[in-house]
């Protein structure tokens, strides 16, 4: 492989890595925003504390992901049945 080809390959690889990093940053920002909304809802009851929320957050997050996966599965099944 020539130096020019290697340089092009490296540029493509760097672009892919940067795209992955940008997507990761978007996902992290979306998760942080979701966490903030869930924190506000959790604390709105009045009896809960920030410490309570932080302790419960991992399970709340996991449940949210389970619900999203379940919803995605239902949508996929419905689309498959229509096809």
C-alpha atoms as a PDB file:
ATOM      1  CA  UNK A   1       0.000   0.000   0.000  1.00  0.00           C
ATOM      2  CA  UNK A   2       1.394   3.380  -0.989  1.00  0.00           C
ATOM      3  CA  UNK A   3       1.881   6.215   1.453  1.00  0.00           C
ATOM      4  CA  UNK A   4      -0.997   8.103  -0.169  1.00  0.00           C
ATOM      5  CA  UNK A   5      -3.312   5.111   0.286  1.00  0.00           C
ATOM      6  CA  UNK A   6      -2.205   4.751   3.890  1.00  0.00           C
ATOM      7  CA  UNK A   7      -2.893   8.439   4.497  1.00  0.00           C
ATOM      8  CA  UNK A   8      -6.367   8.125   2.972  1.00  0.00           C
ATOM      9  CA  UNK A   9      -7.066   5.009   5.029  1.00  0.00           C
ATOM     10  CA  UNK A  10      -5.940   6.797   8.186  1.00  0.00           C
ATOM     11  CA  UNK A  11      -8.160   9.797   7.370  1.00  0.00           C
ATOM     12  CA  UNK A  12     -11.156   7.491   6.908  1.00  0.00           C
ATOM     13  CA  UNK A  13     -10.407   5.732  10.202  1.00  0.00           C
ATOM     14  CA  UNK A  14     -10.094   9.049  12.037  1.00  0.00           C
ATOM     15  CA  UNK A  15     -13.419  10.210  10.585  1.00  0.00           C
ATOM     16  CA  UNK A  16     -15.107   7.002  11.766  1.00  0.00           C
ATOM     17  CA  UNK A  17     -13.632   7.410  15.247  1.00  0.00           C
ATOM     18  CA  UNK A  18     -14.754  11.044  15.440  1.00  0.00           C
ATOM     19  CA  UNK A  19     -18.272  10.098  14.315  1.00  0.00           C
ATOM     20  CA  UNK A  20     -18.392   7.409  17.014  1.00  0.00           C
ATOM     21  CA  UNK A  21     -17.202   9.903  19.621  1.00  0.00           C
ATOM     22  CA  UNK A  22     -19.818  12.444  18.531  1.00  0.00           C
ATOM     23  CA  UNK A  23     -22.544   9.797  18.752  1.00  0.00           C
ATOM     24  CA  UNK A  24     -21.291   8.784  22.189  1.00  0.00           C
ATOM     25  CA  UNK A  25     -21.410  12.408  23.348  1.00  0.00           C
ATOM     26  CA  UNK A  26     -24.989  12.723  22.053  1.00  0.00           C
ATOM     27  CA  UNK A  27     -26.015   9.555  23.868  1.00  0.00           C
ATOM     28  CA  UNK A  28     -24.368  10.725  27.092  1.00  0.00           C
ATOM     29  CA  UNK A  29     -26.098  14.112  26.836  1.00  0.00           C
ATOM     30  CA  UNK A  30     -29.469  12.458  26.176  1.00  0.00           C
ATOM     31  CA  UNK A  31     -29.007  10.129  29.145  1.00  0.00           C
ATOM     32  CA  UNK A  32     -28.013  13.049  31.373  1.00  0.00           C
ATOM     33  CA  UNK A  33     -31.095  14.996  30.285  1.00  0.00           C
ATOM     34  CA  UNK A  34     -33.273  11.956  30.943  1.00  0.00           C
ATOM     35  CA  UNK A  35     -31.664  11.567  34.362  1.00  0.00           C
ATOM     36  CA  UNK A  36     -32.394  15.219  35.157  1.00  0.00           C
ATOM     37  CA  UNK A  37     -36.052  14.833  34.178  1.00  0.00           C
ATOM     38  CA  UNK A  38     -36.374  11.646  36.182  1.00  0.00           C
ATOM     39  CA  UNK A  39     -34.669  13.322  39.173  1.00  0.00           C
ATOM     40  CA  UNK A  40     -37.170  16.199  39.037  1.00  0.00           C
ATOM     41  CA  UNK A  41     -40.103  13.780  38.885  1.00  0.00           C
ATOM     42  CA  UNK A  42     -38.638  11.633  41.679  1.00  0.00           C
ATOM     43  CA  UNK A  43     -38.103  14.609  43.971  1.00  0.00           C
ATOM     44  CA  UNK A  44     -41.477  16.209  43.212  1.00  0.00           C
ATOM     45  CA  UNK A  45     -43.177  13.958  45.770  1.00  0.00           C
ATOM     46  CA  UNK A  46     -41.512  15.889  48.562  1.00  0.00           C
ATOM     47  CA  UNK A  47     -40.418  12.996  50.786  1.00  0.00           C
ATOM     48  CA  UNK A  48     -37.523  11.790  48.610  1.00  0.00           C
ATOM     49  CA  UNK A  49     -34.031  13.242  48.787  1.00  0.00           C
ATOM     50  CA  UNK A  50     -31.324  13.624  46.164  1.00  0.00           C
ATOM     51  CA  UNK A  51     -29.460  10.834  47.956  1.00  0.00           C
ATOM     52  CA  UNK A  52     -32.528   8.598  47.605  1.00  0.00           C
ATOM     53  CA  UNK A  53     -32.622   9.344  43.899  1.00  0.00           C
ATOM     54  CA  UNK A  54     -28.913   8.656  43.385  1.00  0.00           C
ATOM     55  CA  UNK A  55     -29.270   5.356  45.218  1.00  0.00           C
ATOM     56  CA  UNK A  56     -32.288   4.372  43.069  1.00  0.00           C
ATOM     57  CA  UNK A  57     -31.013   5.778  39.768  1.00  0.00           C
ATOM     58  CA  UNK A  58     -29.254   2.632  38.468  1.00  0.00           C
ATOM     59  CA  UNK A  59     -32.428   0.559  38.821  1.00  0.00           C
ATOM     60  CA  UNK A  60     -34.603   3.364  37.417  1.00  0.00           C
ATOM     61  CA  UNK A  61     -32.290   3.614  34.401  1.00  0.00           C
ATOM     62  CA  UNK A  62     -32.328  -0.157  33.882  1.00  0.00           C
ATOM     63  CA  UNK A  63     -36.123  -0.231  34.063  1.00  0.00           C
ATOM     64  CA  UNK A  64     -36.326   2.597  31.535  1.00  0.00           C
ATOM     65  CA  UNK A  65     -34.078   0.630  29.143  1.00  0.00           C
ATOM     66  CA  UNK A  66     -36.175  -2.518  29.660  1.00  0.00           C
ATOM     67  CA  UNK A  67     -39.329  -0.591  28.799  1.00  0.00           C
ATOM     68  CA  UNK A  68     -37.713   0.890  25.683  1.00  0.00           C
ATOM     69  CA  UNK A  69     -36.568  -2.565  24.571  1.00  0.00           C
ATOM     70  CA  UNK A  70     -40.025  -4.009  25.168  1.00  0.00           C
ATOM     71  CA  UNK A  71     -41.627  -1.188  23.176  1.00  0.00           C
ATOM     72  CA  UNK A  72     -39.126  -1.711  20.352  1.00  0.00           C
ATOM     73  CA  UNK A  73     -39.890  -5.425  20.300  1.00  0.00           C
ATOM     74  CA  UNK A  74     -43.643  -4.735  20.049  1.00  0.00           C
ATOM     75  CA  UNK A  75     -43.109  -2.284  17.186  1.00  0.00           C
ATOM     76  CA  UNK A  76     -40.851  -4.770  15.394  1.00  0.00           C
ATOM     77  CA  UNK A  77     -43.379  -7.590  15.785  1.00  0.00           C
ATOM     78  CA  UNK A  78     -46.235  -5.402  14.539  1.00  0.00           C
ATOM     79  CA  UNK A  79     -44.211  -4.368  11.490  1.00  0.00           C
ATOM     80  CA  UNK A  80     -43.259  -7.995  10.791  1.00  0.00           C
ATOM     81  CA  UNK A  81     -46.894  -9.095  10.963  1.00  0.00           C
ATOM     82  CA  UNK A  82     -47.946  -6.369   8.520  1.00  0.00           C
ATOM     83  CA  UNK A  83     -45.314  -7.410   5.979  1.00  0.00           C
END
